[in-house]
Amino acid sequence: MPDQFRTAIADVLPSAEAVHERLAVLSNRDRLNVAEFFSGALPDVDVLIATPGAEALSHDLGALRGIPSVKVTSLAGHWTLVGSALHHTGDIRAARGPVRAAVISLELLAGQAEVAATVLATRRDWDVVAVAAAIERTDAAGHVHLSLLGVPVLTPVMLAGTPRGLVFERRIPHSA
């Protein structure tokens, strides 16, 4: 299923702007393909945290998994978690131990929203077990920032920046 999503991205390469635009208007089919990929790849989690723009993907994944979704947003220059599941006791239930969360992102670049979501979740005593990004840009610092926090990144598509534009990452064996 990620192959269909990968093909949709291949159609707009090498333009980074076109990739970003494609992600902004992801078709239902492509979004469901990515959600199904993450449903199989993510460990068990109790809540999903959507970064800006990834709300629909997080909602689809939450529906597949039967778990609630909240989002991280920037208000007046500060990141905060919002969502009805935060205000209704019992919506977020830990299957065992602390609440386990996954951060959902469309495109992992510098990682500000993903790191903010991880920090805010940690303040709630949630354990962030992964960041699930539809696309990871290997020439950006997001993966490094998250690895410093000990958070693994899962992605069906890795892109690398080259002088000619974006290409599928070939330097990492599992991404080709």
C-alpha atoms as a PDB file:
ATOM      1  CA  MET A   1       0.000   0.000   0.000  1.00  0.00           C
ATOM      2  CA  PRO A   2       2.789   2.506   0.571  1.00  0.00           C
ATOM      3  CA  ASP A   3       3.688   1.876  -3.072  1.00  0.00           C
ATOM      4  CA  GLN A   4       0.596   3.806  -4.213  1.00  0.00           C
ATOM      5  CA  PHE A   5       1.515   6.701  -1.945  1.00  0.00           C
ATOM      6  CA  ARG A   6       5.115   6.511  -3.134  1.00  0.00           C
ATOM      7  CA  THR A   7       3.898   6.711  -6.751  1.00  0.00           C
ATOM      8  CA  ALA A   8       1.805   9.783  -5.921  1.00  0.00           C
ATOM      9  CA  ILE A   9       4.912  11.457  -4.504  1.00  0.00           C
ATOM     10  CA  ALA A  10       7.088  10.326  -7.425  1.00  0.00           C
ATOM     11  CA  ASP A  11       4.725  12.159  -9.782  1.00  0.00           C
ATOM     12  CA  VAL A  12       5.695  15.538  -8.264  1.00  0.00           C
ATOM     13  CA  LEU A  13       9.441  15.031  -7.763  1.00  0.00           C
ATOM     14  CA  PRO A  14      11.936  16.739  -7.812  1.00  0.00           C
ATOM     15  CA  SER A  15      10.077  19.831  -6.569  1.00  0.00           C
ATOM     16  CA  ALA A  16       9.982  20.268  -2.786  1.00  0.00           C
ATOM     17  CA  GLU A  17       7.148  22.772  -3.185  1.00  0.00           C
ATOM     18  CA  ALA A  18       5.103  20.299  -5.242  1.00  0.00           C
ATOM     19  CA  VAL A  19       5.656  17.585  -2.613  1.00  0.00           C
ATOM     20  CA  HIS A  20       4.492  19.961   0.118  1.00  0.00           C
ATOM     21  CA  GLU A  21       1.437  20.936  -1.965  1.00  0.00           C
ATOM     22  CA  ARG A  22       0.607  17.275  -2.664  1.00  0.00           C
ATOM     23  CA  LEU A  23       0.727  16.517   1.058  1.00  0.00           C
ATOM     24  CA  ALA A  24      -1.584  19.459   1.776  1.00  0.00           C
ATOM     25  CA  VAL A  25      -4.279  17.989  -0.503  1.00  0.00           C
ATOM     26  CA  LEU A  26      -3.638  14.291  -0.041  1.00  0.00           C
ATOM     27  CA  SER A  27      -6.380  12.173  -1.593  1.00  0.00           C
ATOM     28  CA  ASN A  28      -8.487  10.018   0.692  1.00  0.00           C
ATOM     29  CA  ARG A  29      -7.001   6.912  -0.931  1.00  0.00           C
ATOM     30  CA  ASP A  30      -3.403   8.035  -0.372  1.00  0.00           C
ATOM     31  CA  ARG A  31      -4.146   9.113   3.195  1.00  0.00           C
ATOM     32  CA  LEU A  32      -5.788   5.750   3.950  1.00  0.00           C
ATOM     33  CA  ASN A  33      -2.820   3.919   2.412  1.00  0.00           C
ATOM     34  CA  VAL A  34      -0.458   5.760   4.735  1.00  0.00           C
ATOM     35  CA  ALA A  35      -2.778   5.205   7.726  1.00  0.00           C
ATOM     36  CA  GLU A  36      -2.887   1.466   6.963  1.00  0.00           C
ATOM     37  CA  PHE A  37       0.913   1.381   6.732  1.00  0.00           C
ATOM     38  CA  PHE A  38       1.207   3.043  10.148  1.00  0.00           C
ATOM     39  CA  SER A  39      -1.508   0.826  11.618  1.00  0.00           C
ATOM     40  CA  GLY A  40       0.707  -2.170  10.884  1.00  0.00           C
ATOM     41  CA  ALA A  41       4.065  -0.536  11.649  1.00  0.00           C
ATOM     42  CA  LEU A  42       3.363   1.311  14.914  1.00  0.00           C
ATOM     43  CA  PRO A  43       3.583  -0.467  18.256  1.00  0.00           C
ATOM     44  CA  ASP A  44       0.508  -0.432  20.492  1.00  0.00           C
ATOM     45  CA  VAL A  45      -0.341   3.113  21.557  1.00  0.00           C
ATOM     46  CA  ASP A  46      -3.144   4.674  23.575  1.00  0.00           C
ATOM     47  CA  VAL A  47      -3.314   8.110  21.892  1.00  0.00           C
ATOM     48  CA  LEU A  48      -2.159   9.822  18.711  1.00  0.00           C
ATOM     49  CA  ILE A  49      -0.797  13.367  18.608  1.00  0.00           C
ATOM     50  CA  ALA A  50      -1.280  15.093  15.240  1.00  0.00           C
ATOM     51  CA  THR A  51       1.111  17.825  14.150  1.00  0.00           C
ATOM     52  CA  PRO A  52      -0.307  20.761  12.153  1.00  0.00           C
ATOM     53  CA  GLY A  53      -1.668  19.495   8.835  1.00  0.00           C
ATOM     54  CA  ALA A  54      -1.721  15.839   9.895  1.00  0.00           C
ATOM     55  CA  GLU A  55      -5.094  15.921  11.642  1.00  0.00           C
ATOM     56  CA  ALA A  56      -6.953  13.958   8.935  1.00  0.00           C
ATOM     57  CA  LEU A  57      -4.216  11.304   8.766  1.00  0.00           C
ATOM     58  CA  SER A  58      -4.232  10.998  12.556  1.00  0.00           C
ATOM     59  CA  HIS A  59      -8.034  10.732  12.576  1.00  0.00           C
ATOM     60  CA  ASP A  60      -7.937   7.946   9.948  1.00  0.00           C
ATOM     61  CA  LEU A  61      -5.251   6.060  11.860  1.00  0.00           C
ATOM     62  CA  GLY A  62      -7.155   6.522  15.113  1.00  0.00           C
ATOM     63  CA  ALA A  63     -10.276   5.087  13.466  1.00  0.00           C
ATOM     64  CA  LEU A  64      -8.304   2.052  12.246  1.00  0.00           C
ATOM     65  CA  ARG A  65      -6.788   1.506  15.687  1.00  0.00           C
ATOM     66  CA  GLY A  66      -9.814   2.548  17.768  1.00  0.00           C
ATOM     67  CA  ILE A  67      -7.868   5.159  19.743  1.00  0.00           C
ATOM     68  CA  PRO A  68      -8.316   8.909  20.286  1.00  0.00           C
ATOM     69  CA  SER A  69      -6.323  11.651  18.663  1.00  0.00           C
ATOM     70  CA  VAL A  70      -5.291  15.072  19.943  1.00  0.00           C
ATOM     71  CA  LYS A  71      -3.212  17.708  18.206  1.00  0.00           C
ATOM     72  CA  VAL A  72      -0.279  19.946  18.944  1.00  0.00           C
ATOM     73  CA  THR A  73      -0.711  23.542  17.889  1.00  0.00           C
ATOM     74  CA  SER A  74       1.127  26.803  18.301  1.00  0.00           C
ATOM     75  CA  LEU A  75      -0.870  29.466  20.143  1.00  0.00           C
ATOM     76  CA  ALA A  76       0.700  32.892  20.651  1.00  0.00           C
ATOM     77  CA  GLY A  77       4.137  31.427  20.003  1.00  0.00           C
ATOM     78  CA  HIS A  78       3.781  28.540  22.466  1.00  0.00           C
ATOM     79  CA  TRP A  79       3.046  24.924  21.641  1.00  0.00           C
ATOM     80  CA  THR A  80       0.105  23.272  23.354  1.00  0.00           C
ATOM     81  CA  LEU A  81      -1.914  20.068  23.133  1.00  0.00           C
ATOM     82  CA  VAL A  82      -5.601  20.420  22.315  1.00  0.00           C
ATOM     83  CA  GLY A  83      -8.444  18.015  21.746  1.00  0.00           C
ATOM     84  CA  SER A  84     -11.627  16.781  23.336  1.00  0.00           C
ATOM     85  CA  ALA A  85      -9.941  13.558  24.512  1.00  0.00           C
ATOM     86  CA  LEU A  86      -7.861  15.652  26.921  1.00  0.00           C
ATOM     87  CA  HIS A  87     -10.996  16.912  28.690  1.00  0.00           C
ATOM     88  CA  HIS A  88     -13.064  13.735  28.883  1.00  0.00           C
ATOM     89  CA  THR A  89     -11.670  11.437  31.520  1.00  0.00           C
ATOM     90  CA  GLY A  90     -11.553   7.891  30.255  1.00  0.00           C
ATOM     91  CA  ASP A  91     -11.079   8.766  26.565  1.00  0.00           C
ATOM     92  CA  ILE A  92      -7.341   8.124  26.876  1.00  0.00           C
ATOM     93  CA  ARG A  93      -6.835   4.860  28.713  1.00  0.00           C
ATOM     94  CA  ALA A  94      -3.508   3.148  29.099  1.00  0.00           C
ATOM     95  CA  ALA A  95      -3.639  -0.535  28.252  1.00  0.00           C
ATOM     96  CA  ARG A  96      -0.709  -1.092  30.614  1.00  0.00           C
ATOM     97  CA  GLY A  97       1.629   1.193  32.501  1.00  0.00           C
ATOM     98  CA  PRO A  98       1.885   4.838  31.418  1.00  0.00           C
ATOM     99  CA  VAL A  99      -0.047   6.211  28.447  1.00  0.00           C
ATOM    100  CA  ARG A 100       1.790   5.391  25.231  1.00  0.00           C
ATOM    101  CA  ALA A 101       1.591   7.952  22.406  1.00  0.00           C
ATOM    102  CA  ALA A 102       2.654   8.285  18.791  1.00  0.00           C
ATOM    103  CA  VAL A 103       3.177  11.606  17.037  1.00  0.00           C
ATOM    104  CA  ILE A 104       1.692  11.767  13.524  1.00  0.00           C
ATOM    105  CA  SER A 105       3.237  14.054  10.907  1.00  0.00           C
ATOM    106  CA  LEU A 106       2.856  14.592   7.170  1.00  0.00           C
ATOM    107  CA  GLU A 107       6.414  15.740   6.503  1.00  0.00           C
ATOM    108  CA  LEU A 108       9.292  15.520   8.954  1.00  0.00           C
ATOM    109  CA  LEU A 109      11.599  18.438   8.252  1.00  0.00           C
ATOM    110  CA  ALA A 110      13.242  20.362  11.113  1.00  0.00           C
ATOM    111  CA  GLY A 111      11.050  18.604  13.654  1.00  0.00           C
ATOM    112  CA  GLN A 112       9.846  21.561  15.740  1.00  0.00           C
ATOM    113  CA  ALA A 113       6.233  20.385  16.003  1.00  0.00           C
ATOM    114  CA  GLU A 114       7.262  16.763  16.523  1.00  0.00           C
ATOM    115  CA  VAL A 115       9.738  17.664  19.284  1.00  0.00           C
ATOM    116  CA  ALA A 116       7.175  19.999  20.893  1.00  0.00           C
ATOM    117  CA  ALA A 117       4.572  17.210  20.854  1.00  0.00           C
ATOM    118  CA  THR A 118       7.065  14.829  22.439  1.00  0.00           C
ATOM    119  CA  VAL A 119       7.999  17.296  25.186  1.00  0.00           C
ATOM    120  CA  LEU A 120       4.344  18.154  25.931  1.00  0.00           C
ATOM    121  CA  ALA A 121       3.443  14.461  26.075  1.00  0.00           C
ATOM    122  CA  THR A 122       6.331  13.802  28.452  1.00  0.00           C
ATOM    123  CA  ARG A 123       5.055  16.580  30.728  1.00  0.00           C
ATOM    124  CA  ARG A 124       1.780  14.627  30.936  1.00  0.00           C
ATOM    125  CA  ASP A 125       3.763  11.489  31.837  1.00  0.00           C
ATOM    126  CA  TRP A 126       3.010   9.943  28.443  1.00  0.00           C
ATOM    127  CA  ASP A 127       5.631   7.780  26.779  1.00  0.00           C
ATOM    128  CA  VAL A 128       6.126   8.750  23.106  1.00  0.00           C
ATOM    129  CA  VAL A 129       7.085   5.487  21.403  1.00  0.00           C
ATOM    130  CA  ALA A 130       7.410   6.760  17.810  1.00  0.00           C
ATOM    131  CA  VAL A 131       6.943   9.570  15.339  1.00  0.00           C
ATOM    132  CA  ALA A 132       5.067   8.400  12.251  1.00  0.00           C
ATOM    133  CA  ALA A 133       5.812  10.702   9.300  1.00  0.00           C
ATOM    134  CA  ALA A 134       4.267  10.206   5.854  1.00  0.00           C
ATOM    135  CA  ILE A 135       7.480  11.641   4.399  1.00  0.00           C
ATOM    136  CA  GLU A 136      10.843  12.088   6.052  1.00  0.00           C
ATOM    137  CA  ARG A 137      13.344  14.489   4.544  1.00  0.00           C
ATOM    138  CA  THR A 138      16.773  13.020   5.268  1.00  0.00           C
ATOM    139  CA  ASP A 139      18.516  16.329   4.507  1.00  0.00           C
ATOM    140  CA  ALA A 140      16.638  18.069   7.345  1.00  0.00           C
ATOM    141  CA  ALA A 141      17.404  17.895  11.060  1.00  0.00           C
ATOM    142  CA  GLY A 142      14.106  16.444  12.322  1.00  0.00           C
ATOM    143  CA  HIS A 143      15.288  12.848  12.582  1.00  0.00           C
ATOM    144  CA  VAL A 144      18.412  13.910  14.483  1.00  0.00           C
ATOM    145  CA  HIS A 145      16.411  16.017  16.949  1.00  0.00           C
ATOM    146  CA  LEU A 146      14.049  13.126  17.643  1.00  0.00           C
ATOM    147  CA  SER A 147      16.843  10.584  17.975  1.00  0.00           C
ATOM    148  CA  LEU A 148      18.420  12.793  20.652  1.00  0.00           C
ATOM    149  CA  LEU A 149      15.142  12.372  22.561  1.00  0.00           C
ATOM    150  CA  GLY A 150      15.221   8.618  21.971  1.00  0.00           C
ATOM    151  CA  VAL A 151      12.146   8.631  19.737  1.00  0.00           C
ATOM    152  CA  PRO A 152      12.249   6.415  16.625  1.00  0.00           C
ATOM    153  CA  VAL A 153      10.834   7.642  13.307  1.00  0.00           C
ATOM    154  CA  LEU A 154       8.653   5.433  11.097  1.00  0.00           C
ATOM    155  CA  THR A 155       8.021   6.457   7.490  1.00  0.00           C
ATOM    156  CA  PRO A 156       6.932   4.859   4.217  1.00  0.00           C
ATOM    157  CA  VAL A 157       8.799   7.456   2.084  1.00  0.00           C
ATOM    158  CA  MET A 158      12.223   9.000   2.619  1.00  0.00           C
ATOM    159  CA  LEU A 159      13.310  11.872   0.384  1.00  0.00           C
ATOM    160  CA  ALA A 160      16.752  13.409   0.046  1.00  0.00           C
ATOM    161  CA  GLY A 161      17.591  16.879  -1.196  1.00  0.00           C
ATOM    162  CA  THR A 162      20.050  17.080  -4.072  1.00  0.00           C
ATOM    163  CA  PRO A 163      21.265  19.989  -6.227  1.00  0.00           C
ATOM    164  CA  ARG A 164      18.618  18.944  -8.786  1.00  0.00           C
ATOM    165  CA  GLY A 165      15.790  18.714  -6.255  1.00  0.00           C
ATOM    166  CA  LEU A 166      14.245  15.928  -4.222  1.00  0.00           C
ATOM    167  CA  VAL A 167      14.850  12.260  -4.941  1.00  0.00           C
ATOM    168  CA  PHE A 168      13.975   9.053  -3.148  1.00  0.00           C
ATOM    169  CA  GLU A 169      16.617   8.325  -0.518  1.00  0.00           C
ATOM    170  CA  ARG A 170      19.002   5.590  -1.676  1.00  0.00           C
ATOM    171  CA  ARG A 171      21.704   5.774   0.993  1.00  0.00           C
ATOM    172  CA  ILE A 172      19.650   3.952   3.616  1.00  0.00           C
ATOM    173  CA  PRO A 173      18.995   0.291   2.688  1.00  0.00           C
ATOM    174  CA  HIS A 174      15.395  -0.005   3.924  1.00  0.00           C
ATOM    175  CA  SER A 175      14.299   3.154   2.065  1.00  0.00           C
ATOM    176  CA  ALA A 176      15.092   2.095  -1.518  1.00  0.00           C
END
